[in-house]
Amino acid sequence: MSLNARLEPVLFLFAGLFGFAGVALAALAAHGGGEAHLAASASAMCLAHAPALLALALGAGRIRTAWLAGLLMIAGTLLFAGDLITLRFTGSGLFPYAAPLGGWAMMLGWLAVSVSAFWRVRA
């Protein structure tokens, strides 16, 4: 069993969790007051990466880099959104540079998707 096949359920899991979190964070941003922009930014990243993870899970058999792209997007979204929400509720982030590190991980995840254009699974 390939790494993509083993990771497929994880991609589905986080696609659903990020979709749920994105909607909940959008509601917090709209109704929560305070530092609403933090929740709005976290919501945007969750809602952007939920369908991307779903697509990676559905295309795992054809996208050779799905496992790498998915793991980078999951880790990046957790770090980025987690840091912003921790900052929103506690006044301090997860650790220094957690959000930028998460942002870089998400960007590298998207680059991993683009690499699959040149490194294709033979049909």
PDB file of N, CA and C in Angstrom:
ATOM      1  N   MET A   1       0.848  -1.182   0.000  1.00  0.00           N
ATOM      2  CA  MET A   1       0.000   0.000   0.000  1.00  0.00           C
ATOM      3  C   MET A   1       0.891   1.242   0.000  1.00  0.00           C
ATOM      4  N   SER A   2       0.574   2.169  -0.901  1.00  0.00           N
ATOM      5  CA  SER A   2       1.384   3.381  -1.035  1.00  0.00           C
ATOM      6  C   SER A   2       1.164   4.334   0.138  1.00  0.00           C
ATOM      7  N   LEU A   3       2.107   5.243   0.284  1.00  0.00           N
ATOM      8  CA  LEU A   3       1.989   6.255   1.332  1.00  0.00           C
ATOM      9  C   LEU A   3       0.749   7.118   1.102  1.00  0.00           C
ATOM     10  N   ASN A   4       0.454   7.438  -0.158  1.00  0.00           N
ATOM     11  CA  ASN A   4      -0.754   8.208  -0.458  1.00  0.00           C
ATOM     12  C   ASN A   4      -1.999   7.472   0.020  1.00  0.00           C
ATOM     13  N   ALA A   5      -2.075   6.176  -0.230  1.00  0.00           N
ATOM     14  CA  ALA A   5      -3.255   5.395   0.166  1.00  0.00           C
ATOM     15  C   ALA A   5      -3.384   5.334   1.690  1.00  0.00           C
ATOM     16  N   ARG A   6      -2.259   5.214   2.371  1.00  0.00           N
ATOM     17  CA  ARG A   6      -2.314   5.165   3.839  1.00  0.00           C
ATOM     18  C   ARG A   6      -2.720   6.514   4.439  1.00  0.00           C
ATOM     19  N   LEU A   7      -2.357   7.590   3.772  1.00  0.00           N
ATOM     20  CA  LEU A   7      -2.638   8.923   4.290  1.00  0.00           C
ATOM     21  C   LEU A   7      -4.019   9.439   3.880  1.00  0.00           C
ATOM     22  N   GLU A   8      -4.649   8.800   2.927  1.00  0.00           N
ATOM     23  CA  GLU A   8      -5.944   9.263   2.417  1.00  0.00           C
ATOM     24  C   GLU A   8      -6.984   9.520   3.513  1.00  0.00           C
ATOM     25  N   PRO A   9      -7.171   8.610   4.495  1.00  0.00           N
ATOM     26  CA  PRO A   9      -8.153   8.900   5.552  1.00  0.00           C
ATOM     27  C   PRO A   9      -7.790  10.128   6.379  1.00  0.00           C
ATOM     28  N   VAL A  10      -6.505  10.391   6.573  1.00  0.00           N
ATOM     29  CA  VAL A  10      -6.064  11.564   7.324  1.00  0.00           C
ATOM     30  C   VAL A  10      -6.425  12.839   6.557  1.00  0.00           C
ATOM     31  N   LEU A  11      -6.252  12.802   5.239  1.00  0.00           N
ATOM     32  CA  LEU A  11      -6.607  13.964   4.424  1.00  0.00           C
ATOM     33  C   LEU A  11      -8.105  14.237   4.503  1.00  0.00           C
ATOM     34  N   PHE A  12      -8.924  13.191   4.421  1.00  0.00           N
ATOM     35  CA  PHE A  12     -10.373  13.356   4.568  1.00  0.00           C
ATOM     36  C   PHE A  12     -10.716  13.910   5.953  1.00  0.00           C
ATOM     37  N   LEU A  13     -10.082  13.376   6.991  1.00  0.00           N
ATOM     38  CA  LEU A  13     -10.343  13.818   8.356  1.00  0.00           C
ATOM     39  C   LEU A  13     -10.077  15.312   8.508  1.00  0.00           C
ATOM     40  N   PHE A  14      -8.902  15.755   8.086  1.00  0.00           N
ATOM     41  CA  PHE A  14      -8.554  17.166   8.256  1.00  0.00           C
ATOM     42  C   PHE A  14      -9.326  18.072   7.307  1.00  0.00           C
ATOM     43  N   ALA A  15      -9.724  17.565   6.146  1.00  0.00           N
ATOM     44  CA  ALA A  15     -10.591  18.361   5.266  1.00  0.00           C
ATOM     45  C   ALA A  15     -11.886  18.698   5.994  1.00  0.00           C
ATOM     46  N   GLY A  16     -12.485  17.707   6.623  1.00  0.00           N
ATOM     47  CA  GLY A  16     -13.720  17.940   7.374  1.00  0.00           C
ATOM     48  C   GLY A  16     -13.512  18.815   8.593  1.00  0.00           C
ATOM     49  N   LEU A  17     -12.449  18.565   9.347  1.00  0.00           N
ATOM     50  CA  LEU A  17     -12.183  19.368  10.544  1.00  0.00           C
ATOM     51  C   LEU A  17     -11.893  20.823  10.193  1.00  0.00           C
ATOM     52  N   PHE A  18     -11.115  21.047   9.135  1.00  0.00           N
ATOM     53  CA  PHE A  18     -10.804  22.416   8.740  1.00  0.00           C
ATOM     54  C   PHE A  18     -12.039  23.119   8.184  1.00  0.00           C
ATOM     55  N   GLY A  19     -12.890  22.394   7.463  1.00  0.00           N
ATOM     56  CA  GLY A  19     -14.138  22.991   6.993  1.00  0.00           C
ATOM     57  C   GLY A  19     -15.012  23.424   8.158  1.00  0.00           C
ATOM     58  N   PHE A  20     -15.158  22.539   9.129  1.00  0.00           N
ATOM     59  CA  PHE A  20     -15.933  22.849  10.336  1.00  0.00           C
ATOM     60  C   PHE A  20     -15.334  24.047  11.066  1.00  0.00           C
ATOM     61  N   ALA A  21     -14.027  24.004  11.297  1.00  0.00           N
ATOM     62  CA  ALA A  21     -13.358  25.087  12.026  1.00  0.00           C
ATOM     63  C   ALA A  21     -13.466  26.402  11.265  1.00  0.00           C
ATOM     64  N   GLY A  22     -13.360  26.350   9.946  1.00  0.00           N
ATOM     65  CA  GLY A  22     -13.445  27.571   9.152  1.00  0.00           C
ATOM     66  C   GLY A  22     -14.785  28.267   9.287  1.00  0.00           C
ATOM     67  N   VAL A  23     -15.866  27.480   9.272  1.00  0.00           N
ATOM     68  CA  VAL A  23     -17.194  28.066   9.434  1.00  0.00           C
ATOM     69  C   VAL A  23     -17.369  28.603  10.856  1.00  0.00           C
ATOM     70  N   ALA A  24     -16.931  27.830  11.843  1.00  0.00           N
ATOM     71  CA  ALA A  24     -17.054  28.281  13.238  1.00  0.00           C
ATOM     72  C   ALA A  24     -16.238  29.545  13.480  1.00  0.00           C
ATOM     73  N   LEU A  25     -15.043  29.612  12.917  1.00  0.00           N
ATOM     74  CA  LEU A  25     -14.207  30.803  13.089  1.00  0.00           C
ATOM     75  C   LEU A  25     -14.772  32.008  12.350  1.00  0.00           C
ATOM     76  N   ALA A  26     -15.433  31.778  11.225  1.00  0.00           N
ATOM     77  CA  ALA A  26     -16.095  32.886  10.521  1.00  0.00           C
ATOM     78  C   ALA A  26     -17.215  33.455  11.386  1.00  0.00           C
ATOM     79  N   ALA A  27     -17.960  32.579  12.052  1.00  0.00           N
ATOM     80  CA  ALA A  27     -19.013  33.047  12.959  1.00  0.00           C
ATOM     81  C   ALA A  27     -18.416  33.826  14.124  1.00  0.00           C
ATOM     82  N   LEU A  28     -17.307  33.331  14.660  1.00  0.00           N
ATOM     83  CA  LEU A  28     -16.631  34.050  15.745  1.00  0.00           C
ATOM     84  C   LEU A  28     -16.185  35.432  15.278  1.00  0.00           C
ATOM     85  N   ALA A  29     -15.639  35.495  14.075  1.00  0.00           N
ATOM     86  CA  ALA A  29     -15.181  36.784  13.552  1.00  0.00           C
ATOM     87  C   ALA A  29     -16.348  37.749  13.362  1.00  0.00           C
ATOM     88  N   ALA A  30     -17.488  37.215  12.955  1.00  0.00           N
ATOM     89  CA  ALA A  30     -18.642  38.078  12.704  1.00  0.00           C
ATOM     90  C   ALA A  30     -19.343  38.520  13.983  1.00  0.00           C
ATOM     91  N   HIS A  31     -19.316  37.683  15.006  1.00  0.00           N
ATOM     92  CA  HIS A  31     -20.105  37.950  16.205  1.00  0.00           C
ATOM     93  C   HIS A  31     -19.292  38.081  17.488  1.00  0.00           C
ATOM     94  N   GLY A  32     -17.987  37.786  17.420  1.00  0.00           N
ATOM     95  CA  GLY A  32     -17.198  37.704  18.637  1.00  0.00           C
ATOM     96  C   GLY A  32     -16.606  38.990  19.139  1.00  0.00           C
ATOM     97  N   GLY A  33     -16.570  40.029  18.308  1.00  0.00           N
ATOM     98  CA  GLY A  33     -15.968  41.283  18.749  1.00  0.00           C
ATOM     99  C   GLY A  33     -14.477  41.139  18.982  1.00  0.00           C
ATOM    100  N   GLY A  34     -13.906  42.073  19.684  1.00  0.00           N
ATOM    101  CA  GLY A  34     -12.480  42.011  20.028  1.00  0.00           C
ATOM    102  C   GLY A  34     -11.591  41.966  18.803  1.00  0.00           C
ATOM    103  N   GLU A  35     -10.698  41.047  18.795  1.00  0.00           N
ATOM    104  CA  GLU A  35      -9.727  40.887  17.715  1.00  0.00           C
ATOM    105  C   GLU A  35     -10.310  40.016  16.600  1.00  0.00           C
ATOM    106  N   ALA A  36     -11.390  40.482  15.991  1.00  0.00           N
ATOM    107  CA  ALA A  36     -12.109  39.703  14.978  1.00  0.00           C
ATOM    108  C   ALA A  36     -11.230  39.367  13.775  1.00  0.00           C
ATOM    109  N   HIS A  37     -10.287  40.223  13.444  1.00  0.00           N
ATOM    110  CA  HIS A  37      -9.438  39.957  12.282  1.00  0.00           C
ATOM    111  C   HIS A  37      -8.604  38.688  12.456  1.00  0.00           C
ATOM    112  N   LEU A  38      -8.248  38.337  13.678  1.00  0.00           N
ATOM    113  CA  LEU A  38      -7.487  37.106  13.913  1.00  0.00           C
ATOM    114  C   LEU A  38      -8.325  35.882  13.570  1.00  0.00           C
ATOM    115  N   ALA A  39      -9.568  35.875  14.043  1.00  0.00           N
ATOM    116  CA  ALA A  39     -10.463  34.752  13.743  1.00  0.00           C
ATOM    117  C   ALA A  39     -10.781  34.708  12.253  1.00  0.00           C
ATOM    118  N   ALA A  40     -10.929  35.869  11.624  1.00  0.00           N
ATOM    119  CA  ALA A  40     -11.222  35.915  10.193  1.00  0.00           C
ATOM    120  C   ALA A  40     -10.068  35.345   9.372  1.00  0.00           C
ATOM    121  N   SER A  41      -8.841  35.684   9.738  1.00  0.00           N
ATOM    122  CA  SER A  41      -7.671  35.142   9.027  1.00  0.00           C
ATOM    123  C   SER A  41      -7.549  33.641   9.230  1.00  0.00           C
ATOM    124  N   ALA A  42      -7.774  33.177  10.449  1.00  0.00           N
ATOM    125  CA  ALA A  42      -7.725  31.736  10.718  1.00  0.00           C
ATOM    126  C   ALA A  42      -8.823  31.020   9.936  1.00  0.00           C
ATOM    127  N   SER A  43     -10.007  31.605   9.893  1.00  0.00           N
ATOM    128  CA  SER A  43     -11.116  31.032   9.134  1.00  0.00           C
ATOM    129  C   SER A  43     -10.765  30.905   7.658  1.00  0.00           C
ATOM    130  N   ALA A  44     -10.186  31.954   7.097  1.00  0.00           N
ATOM    131  CA  ALA A  44      -9.835  31.942   5.678  1.00  0.00           C
ATOM    132  C   ALA A  44      -8.859  30.820   5.347  1.00  0.00           C
ATOM    133  N   MET A  45      -7.861  30.617   6.203  1.00  0.00           N
ATOM    134  CA  MET A  45      -6.892  29.556   5.936  1.00  0.00           C
ATOM    135  C   MET A  45      -7.524  28.168   6.062  1.00  0.00           C
ATOM    136  N   CYS A  46      -8.376  27.999   7.047  1.00  0.00           N
ATOM    137  CA  CYS A  46      -9.065  26.713   7.203  1.00  0.00           C
ATOM    138  C   CYS A  46      -9.965  26.430   6.002  1.00  0.00           C
ATOM    139  N   LEU A  47     -10.726  27.449   5.595  1.00  0.00           N
ATOM    140  CA  LEU A  47     -11.652  27.251   4.481  1.00  0.00           C
ATOM    141  C   LEU A  47     -10.931  27.125   3.136  1.00  0.00           C
ATOM    142  N   ALA A  48      -9.743  27.676   3.017  1.00  0.00           N
ATOM    143  CA  ALA A  48      -8.967  27.517   1.783  1.00  0.00           C
ATOM    144  C   ALA A  48      -8.361  26.127   1.679  1.00  0.00           C
ATOM    145  N   HIS A  49      -7.942  25.565   2.806  1.00  0.00           N
ATOM    146  CA  HIS A  49      -7.227  24.299   2.760  1.00  0.00           C
ATOM    147  C   HIS A  49      -8.124  23.077   2.921  1.00  0.00           C
ATOM    148  N   ALA A  50      -9.330  23.254   3.437  1.00  0.00           N
ATOM    149  CA  ALA A  50     -10.253  22.112   3.543  1.00  0.00           C
ATOM    150  C   ALA A  50     -10.551  21.514   2.169  1.00  0.00           C
ATOM    151  N   PRO A  51     -10.963  22.293   1.168  1.00  0.00           N
ATOM    152  CA  PRO A  51     -11.215  21.679  -0.137  1.00  0.00           C
ATOM    153  C   PRO A  51      -9.943  21.192  -0.824  1.00  0.00           C
ATOM    154  N   ALA A  52      -8.819  21.848  -0.541  1.00  0.00           N
ATOM    155  CA  ALA A  52      -7.555  21.378  -1.116  1.00  0.00           C
ATOM    156  C   ALA A  52      -7.219  19.988  -0.594  1.00  0.00           C
ATOM    157  N   LEU A  53      -7.409  19.773   0.703  1.00  0.00           N
ATOM    158  CA  LEU A  53      -7.151  18.445   1.275  1.00  0.00           C
ATOM    159  C   LEU A  53      -8.131  17.413   0.744  1.00  0.00           C
ATOM    160  N   LEU A  54      -9.373  17.818   0.564  1.00  0.00           N
ATOM    161  CA  LEU A  54     -10.365  16.916  -0.018  1.00  0.00           C
ATOM    162  C   LEU A  54      -9.949  16.511  -1.434  1.00  0.00           C
ATOM    163  N   ALA A  55      -9.508  17.469  -2.225  1.00  0.00           N
ATOM    164  CA  ALA A  55      -9.047  17.167  -3.579  1.00  0.00           C
ATOM    165  C   ALA A  55      -7.826  16.255  -3.562  1.00  0.00           C
ATOM    166  N   LEU A  56      -6.908  16.483  -2.641  1.00  0.00           N
ATOM    167  CA  LEU A  56      -5.728  15.620  -2.541  1.00  0.00           C
ATOM    168  C   LEU A  56      -6.129  14.191  -2.163  1.00  0.00           C
ATOM    169  N   ALA A  57      -7.096  14.074  -1.250  1.00  0.00           N
ATOM    170  CA  ALA A  57      -7.559  12.736  -0.855  1.00  0.00           C
ATOM    171  C   ALA A  57      -8.222  12.027  -2.035  1.00  0.00           C
ATOM    172  N   LEU A  58      -9.061  12.746  -2.759  1.00  0.00           N
ATOM    173  CA  LEU A  58      -9.758  12.149  -3.897  1.00  0.00           C
ATOM    174  C   LEU A  58      -8.810  11.818  -5.046  1.00  0.00           C
ATOM    175  N   GLY A  59      -7.754  12.606  -5.196  1.00  0.00           N
ATOM    176  CA  GLY A  59      -6.800  12.373  -6.273  1.00  0.00           C
ATOM    177  C   GLY A  59      -5.528  11.680  -5.848  1.00  0.00           C
ATOM    178  N   ALA A  60      -5.513  11.106  -4.665  1.00  0.00           N
ATOM    179  CA  ALA A  60      -4.276  10.506  -4.133  1.00  0.00           C
ATOM    180  C   ALA A  60      -3.703   9.429  -5.040  1.00  0.00           C
ATOM    181  N   GLY A  61      -4.552   8.735  -5.770  1.00  0.00           N
ATOM    182  CA  GLY A  61      -4.062   7.700  -6.677  1.00  0.00           C
ATOM    183  C   GLY A  61      -3.342   8.246  -7.889  1.00  0.00           C
ATOM    184  N   ARG A  62      -3.555   9.501  -8.224  1.00  0.00           N
ATOM    185  CA  ARG A  62      -2.947  10.112  -9.409  1.00  0.00           C
ATOM    186  C   ARG A  62      -1.948  11.206  -9.078  1.00  0.00           C
ATOM    187  N   ILE A  63      -1.974  11.718  -7.849  1.00  0.00           N
ATOM    188  CA  ILE A  63      -1.090  12.821  -7.465  1.00  0.00           C
ATOM    189  C   ILE A  63       0.030  12.248  -6.593  1.00  0.00           C
ATOM    190  N   ARG A  64       1.164  12.052  -7.197  1.00  0.00           N
ATOM    191  CA  ARG A  64       2.270  11.394  -6.502  1.00  0.00           C
ATOM    192  C   ARG A  64       2.705  12.126  -5.236  1.00  0.00           C
ATOM    193  N   THR A  65       2.584  13.435  -5.223  1.00  0.00           N
ATOM    194  CA  THR A  65       3.026  14.231  -4.078  1.00  0.00           C
ATOM    195  C   THR A  65       1.897  14.543  -3.095  1.00  0.00           C
ATOM    196  N   ALA A  66       0.763  13.863  -3.208  1.00  0.00           N
ATOM    197  CA  ALA A  66      -0.391  14.159  -2.345  1.00  0.00           C
ATOM    198  C   ALA A  66      -0.036  14.035  -0.874  1.00  0.00           C
ATOM    199  N   TRP A  67       0.725  13.028  -0.513  1.00  0.00           N
ATOM    200  CA  TRP A  67       1.065  12.820   0.901  1.00  0.00           C
ATOM    201  C   TRP A  67       1.873  13.990   1.441  1.00  0.00           C
ATOM    202  N   LEU A  68       2.859  14.440   0.686  1.00  0.00           N
ATOM    203  CA  LEU A  68       3.710  15.541   1.138  1.00  0.00           C
ATOM    204  C   LEU A  68       2.923  16.853   1.171  1.00  0.00           C
ATOM    205  N   ALA A  69       2.186  17.128   0.105  1.00  0.00           N
ATOM    206  CA  ALA A  69       1.389  18.354   0.051  1.00  0.00           C
ATOM    207  C   ALA A  69       0.379  18.378   1.185  1.00  0.00           C
ATOM    208  N   GLY A  70      -0.277  17.261   1.414  1.00  0.00           N
ATOM    209  CA  GLY A  70      -1.279  17.188   2.469  1.00  0.00           C
ATOM    210  C   GLY A  70      -0.695  17.396   3.852  1.00  0.00           C
ATOM    211  N   LEU A  71       0.399  16.741   4.134  1.00  0.00           N
ATOM    212  CA  LEU A  71       1.017  16.902   5.455  1.00  0.00           C
ATOM    213  C   LEU A  71       1.491  18.335   5.684  1.00  0.00           C
ATOM    214  N   LEU A  72       2.059  18.948   4.662  1.00  0.00           N
ATOM    215  CA  LEU A  72       2.508  20.338   4.801  1.00  0.00           C
ATOM    216  C   LEU A  72       1.329  21.275   5.010  1.00  0.00           C
ATOM    217  N   MET A  73       0.245  21.054   4.267  1.00  0.00           N
ATOM    218  CA  MET A  73      -0.935  21.902   4.422  1.00  0.00           C
ATOM    219  C   MET A  73      -1.588  21.712   5.790  1.00  0.00           C
ATOM    220  N   ILE A  74      -1.642  20.475   6.259  1.00  0.00           N
ATOM    221  CA  ILE A  74      -2.222  20.207   7.578  1.00  0.00           C
ATOM    222  C   ILE A  74      -1.393  20.885   8.673  1.00  0.00           C
ATOM    223  N   ALA A  75      -0.091  20.627   8.659  1.00  0.00           N
ATOM    224  CA  ALA A  75       0.777  21.216   9.683  1.00  0.00           C
ATOM    225  C   ALA A  75       0.755  22.744   9.610  1.00  0.00           C
ATOM    226  N   GLY A  76       0.816  23.278   8.394  1.00  0.00           N
ATOM    227  CA  GLY A  76       0.816  24.716   8.235  1.00  0.00           C
ATOM    228  C   GLY A  76      -0.471  25.367   8.701  1.00  0.00           C
ATOM    229  N   THR A  77      -1.596  24.764   8.359  1.00  0.00           N
ATOM    230  CA  THR A  77      -2.881  25.329   8.768  1.00  0.00           C
ATOM    231  C   THR A  77      -3.044  25.250  10.281  1.00  0.00           C
ATOM    232  N   LEU A  78      -2.642  24.124  10.864  1.00  0.00           N
ATOM    233  CA  LEU A  78      -2.725  24.001  12.326  1.00  0.00           C
ATOM    234  C   LEU A  78      -1.869  25.054  13.021  1.00  0.00           C
ATOM    235  N   LEU A  79      -0.650  25.253  12.526  1.00  0.00           N
ATOM    236  CA  LEU A  79       0.236  26.255  13.136  1.00  0.00           C
ATOM    237  C   LEU A  79      -0.293  27.664  12.938  1.00  0.00           C
ATOM    238  N   PHE A  80      -0.669  28.001  11.710  1.00  0.00           N
ATOM    239  CA  PHE A  80      -1.106  29.353  11.406  1.00  0.00           C
ATOM    240  C   PHE A  80      -2.394  29.695  12.149  1.00  0.00           C
ATOM    241  N   ALA A  81      -3.427  28.897  11.928  1.00  0.00           N
ATOM    242  CA  ALA A  81      -4.721  29.174  12.565  1.00  0.00           C
ATOM    243  C   ALA A  81      -4.625  29.009  14.076  1.00  0.00           C
ATOM    244  N   GLY A  82      -3.902  27.987  14.521  1.00  0.00           N
ATOM    245  CA  GLY A  82      -3.752  27.763  15.959  1.00  0.00           C
ATOM    246  C   GLY A  82      -3.067  28.923  16.648  1.00  0.00           C
ATOM    247  N   ASP A  83      -2.053  29.479  16.003  1.00  0.00           N
ATOM    248  CA  ASP A  83      -1.351  30.616  16.597  1.00  0.00           C
ATOM    249  C   ASP A  83      -2.268  31.834  16.695  1.00  0.00           C
ATOM    250  N   LEU A  84      -3.021  32.109  15.628  1.00  0.00           N
ATOM    251  CA  LEU A  84      -3.916  33.263  15.644  1.00  0.00           C
ATOM    252  C   LEU A  84      -5.030  33.112  16.676  1.00  0.00           C
ATOM    253  N   ILE A  85      -5.588  31.929  16.785  1.00  0.00           N
ATOM    254  CA  ILE A  85      -6.684  31.721  17.738  1.00  0.00           C
ATOM    255  C   ILE A  85      -6.158  31.718  19.176  1.00  0.00           C
ATOM    256  N   THR A  86      -4.986  31.159  19.380  1.00  0.00           N
ATOM    257  CA  THR A  86      -4.377  31.219  20.711  1.00  0.00           C
ATOM    258  C   THR A  86      -4.102  32.668  21.094  1.00  0.00           C
ATOM    259  N   LEU A  87      -3.600  33.450  20.140  1.00  0.00           N
ATOM    260  CA  LEU A  87      -3.372  34.874  20.383  1.00  0.00           C
ATOM    261  C   LEU A  87      -4.680  35.591  20.691  1.00  0.00           C
ATOM    262  N   ARG A  88      -5.738  35.252  19.971  1.00  0.00           N
ATOM    263  CA  ARG A  88      -7.057  35.875  20.170  1.00  0.00           C
ATOM    264  C   ARG A  88      -7.595  35.631  21.577  1.00  0.00           C
ATOM    265  N   PHE A  89      -7.436  34.399  22.083  1.00  0.00           N
ATOM    266  CA  PHE A  89      -8.050  34.061  23.361  1.00  0.00           C
ATOM    267  C   PHE A  89      -7.134  34.208  24.570  1.00  0.00           C
ATOM    268  N   THR A  90      -5.818  34.121  24.368  1.00  0.00           N
ATOM    269  CA  THR A  90      -4.918  34.190  25.517  1.00  0.00           C
ATOM    270  C   THR A  90      -4.040  35.437  25.528  1.00  0.00           C
ATOM    271  N   GLY A  91      -3.945  36.108  24.394  1.00  0.00           N
ATOM    272  CA  GLY A  91      -3.087  37.283  24.328  1.00  0.00           C
ATOM    273  C   GLY A  91      -1.665  36.980  23.920  1.00  0.00           C
ATOM    274  N   SER A  92      -1.315  35.703  23.792  1.00  0.00           N
ATOM    275  CA  SER A  92       0.009  35.339  23.277  1.00  0.00           C
ATOM    276  C   SER A  92      -0.141  34.129  22.367  1.00  0.00           C
ATOM    277  N   GLY A  93       0.747  34.033  21.388  1.00  0.00           N
ATOM    278  CA  GLY A  93       0.676  32.953  20.410  1.00  0.00           C
ATOM    279  C   GLY A  93       1.219  31.644  20.940  1.00  0.00           C
ATOM    280  N   LEU A  94       1.247  30.644  20.053  1.00  0.00           N
ATOM    281  CA  LEU A  94       1.754  29.318  20.426  1.00  0.00           C
ATOM    282  C   LEU A  94       3.231  29.383  20.813  1.00  0.00           C
ATOM    283  N   PHE A  95       4.037  29.945  19.938  1.00  0.00           N
ATOM    284  CA  PHE A  95       5.465  30.149  20.159  1.00  0.00           C
ATOM    285  C   PHE A  95       5.921  31.180  19.133  1.00  0.00           C
ATOM    286  N   PRO A  96       7.074  31.798  19.313  1.00  0.00           N
ATOM    287  CA  PRO A  96       7.513  32.826  18.369  1.00  0.00           C
ATOM    288  C   PRO A  96       7.598  32.279  16.936  1.00  0.00           C
ATOM    289  N   TYR A  97       7.055  33.023  16.017  1.00  0.00           N
ATOM    290  CA  TYR A  97       7.080  32.716  14.585  1.00  0.00           C
ATOM    291  C   TYR A  97       6.255  31.492  14.190  1.00  0.00           C
ATOM    292  N   ALA A  98       5.304  31.087  15.026  1.00  0.00           N
ATOM    293  CA  ALA A  98       4.460  29.934  14.675  1.00  0.00           C
ATOM    294  C   ALA A  98       3.620  30.233  13.442  1.00  0.00           C
ATOM    295  N   ALA A  99       2.998  31.401  13.369  1.00  0.00           N
ATOM    296  CA  ALA A  99       2.163  31.736  12.211  1.00  0.00           C
ATOM    297  C   ALA A  99       2.990  31.830  10.920  1.00  0.00           C
ATOM    298  N   PRO A 100       4.126  32.519  10.921  1.00  0.00           N
ATOM    299  CA  PRO A 100       4.918  32.530   9.686  1.00  0.00           C
ATOM    300  C   PRO A 100       5.430  31.138   9.286  1.00  0.00           C
ATOM    301  N   LEU A 101       5.803  30.340  10.260  1.00  0.00           N
ATOM    302  CA  LEU A 101       6.221  28.969   9.956  1.00  0.00           C
ATOM    303  C   LEU A 101       5.066  28.195   9.318  1.00  0.00           C
ATOM    304  N   GLY A 102       3.881  28.362   9.872  1.00  0.00           N
ATOM    305  CA  GLY A 102       2.710  27.725   9.288  1.00  0.00           C
ATOM    306  C   GLY A 102       2.438  28.226   7.885  1.00  0.00           C
ATOM    307  N   GLY A 103       2.597  29.519   7.677  1.00  0.00           N
ATOM    308  CA  GLY A 103       2.413  30.078   6.340  1.00  0.00           C
ATOM    309  C   GLY A 103       3.383  29.491   5.331  1.00  0.00           C
ATOM    310  N   TRP A 104       4.634  29.359   5.741  1.00  0.00           N
ATOM    311  CA  TRP A 104       5.623  28.742   4.851  1.00  0.00           C
ATOM    312  C   TRP A 104       5.284  27.284   4.568  1.00  0.00           C
ATOM    313  N   ALA A 105       4.834  26.564   5.578  1.00  0.00           N
ATOM    314  CA  ALA A 105       4.466  25.155   5.365  1.00  0.00           C
ATOM    315  C   ALA A 105       3.313  25.048   4.375  1.00  0.00           C
ATOM    316  N   MET A 106       2.314  25.935   4.505  1.00  0.00           N
ATOM    317  CA  MET A 106       1.195  25.906   3.546  1.00  0.00           C
ATOM    318  C   MET A 106       1.682  26.221   2.131  1.00  0.00           C
ATOM    319  N   MET A 107       2.547  27.216   1.991  1.00  0.00           N
ATOM    320  CA  MET A 107       3.066  27.555   0.662  1.00  0.00           C
ATOM    321  C   MET A 107       3.869  26.400   0.068  1.00  0.00           C
ATOM    322  N   LEU A 108       4.671  25.745   0.895  1.00  0.00           N
ATOM    323  CA  LEU A 108       5.432  24.591   0.406  1.00  0.00           C
ATOM    324  C   LEU A 108       4.497  23.444   0.024  1.00  0.00           C
ATOM    325  N   GLY A 109       3.381  23.318   0.737  1.00  0.00           N
ATOM    326  CA  GLY A 109       2.386  22.314   0.363  1.00  0.00           C
ATOM    327  C   GLY A 109       1.831  22.568  -1.026  1.00  0.00           C
ATOM    328  N   TRP A 110       1.552  23.832  -1.322  1.00  0.00           N
ATOM    329  CA  TRP A 110       1.066  24.164  -2.661  1.00  0.00           C
ATOM    330  C   TRP A 110       2.140  23.927  -3.714  1.00  0.00           C
ATOM    331  N   LEU A 111       3.402  24.206  -3.385  1.00  0.00           N
ATOM    332  CA  LEU A 111       4.480  23.891  -4.333  1.00  0.00           C
ATOM    333  C   LEU A 111       4.594  22.392  -4.561  1.00  0.00           C
ATOM    334  N   ALA A 112       4.359  21.600  -3.518  1.00  0.00           N
ATOM    335  CA  ALA A 112       4.377  20.140  -3.674  1.00  0.00           C
ATOM    336  C   ALA A 112       3.279  19.686  -4.633  1.00  0.00           C
ATOM    337  N   VAL A 113       2.144  20.361  -4.611  1.00  0.00           N
ATOM    338  CA  VAL A 113       1.085  20.053  -5.580  1.00  0.00           C
ATOM    339  C   VAL A 113       1.586  20.362  -6.987  1.00  0.00           C
ATOM    340  N   SER A 114       2.239  21.490  -7.164  1.00  0.00           N
ATOM    341  CA  SER A 114       2.697  21.867  -8.505  1.00  0.00           C
ATOM    342  C   SER A 114       3.759  20.908  -9.042  1.00  0.00           C
ATOM    343  N   VAL A 115       4.570  20.351  -8.161  1.00  0.00           N
ATOM    344  CA  VAL A 115       5.597  19.388  -8.580  1.00  0.00           C
ATOM    345  C   VAL A 115       4.954  18.158  -9.213  1.00  0.00           C
ATOM    346  N   SER A 116       3.750  17.829  -8.783  1.00  0.00           N
ATOM    347  CA  SER A 116       3.087  16.648  -9.335  1.00  0.00           C
ATOM    348  C   SER A 116       2.789  16.794 -10.823  1.00  0.00           C
ATOM    349  N   ALA A 117       2.799  18.010 -11.345  1.00  0.00           N
ATOM    350  CA  ALA A 117       2.600  18.211 -12.777  1.00  0.00           C
ATOM    351  C   ALA A 117       3.744  17.598 -13.583  1.00  0.00           C
ATOM    352  N   PHE A 118       4.916  17.526 -12.980  1.00  0.00           N
ATOM    353  CA  PHE A 118       6.093  17.007 -13.665  1.00  0.00           C
ATOM    354  C   PHE A 118       6.466  15.594 -13.234  1.00  0.00           C
ATOM    355  N   TRP A 119       5.908  15.148 -12.118  1.00  0.00           N
ATOM    356  CA  TRP A 119       6.239  13.840 -11.554  1.00  0.00           C
ATOM    357  C   TRP A 119       4.947  13.060 -11.432  1.00  0.00           C
ATOM    358  N   ARG A 120       4.480  12.541 -12.545  1.00  0.00           N
ATOM    359  CA  ARG A 120       3.148  11.975 -12.633  1.00  0.00           C
ATOM    360  C   ARG A 120       3.154  10.466 -12.409  1.00  0.00           C
ATOM    361  N   VAL A 121       2.028   9.990 -11.932  1.00  0.00           N
ATOM    362  CA  VAL A 121       1.808   8.553 -11.774  1.00  0.00           C
ATOM    363  C   VAL A 121       1.462   8.016 -13.153  1.00  0.00           C
ATOM    364  N   ARG A 122       2.110   6.942 -13.548  1.00  0.00           N
ATOM    365  CA  ARG A 122       1.815   6.318 -14.845  1.00  0.00           C
ATOM    366  C   ARG A 122       0.489   5.581 -14.780  1.00  0.00           C
ATOM    367  N   ALA A 123      -0.372   5.854 -15.753  1.00  0.00           N
ATOM    368  CA  ALA A 123      -1.695   5.203 -15.784  1.00  0.00           C
ATOM    369  C   ALA A 123      -1.634   3.837 -16.429  1.00  0.00           C
TER     370      ALA A 123
END
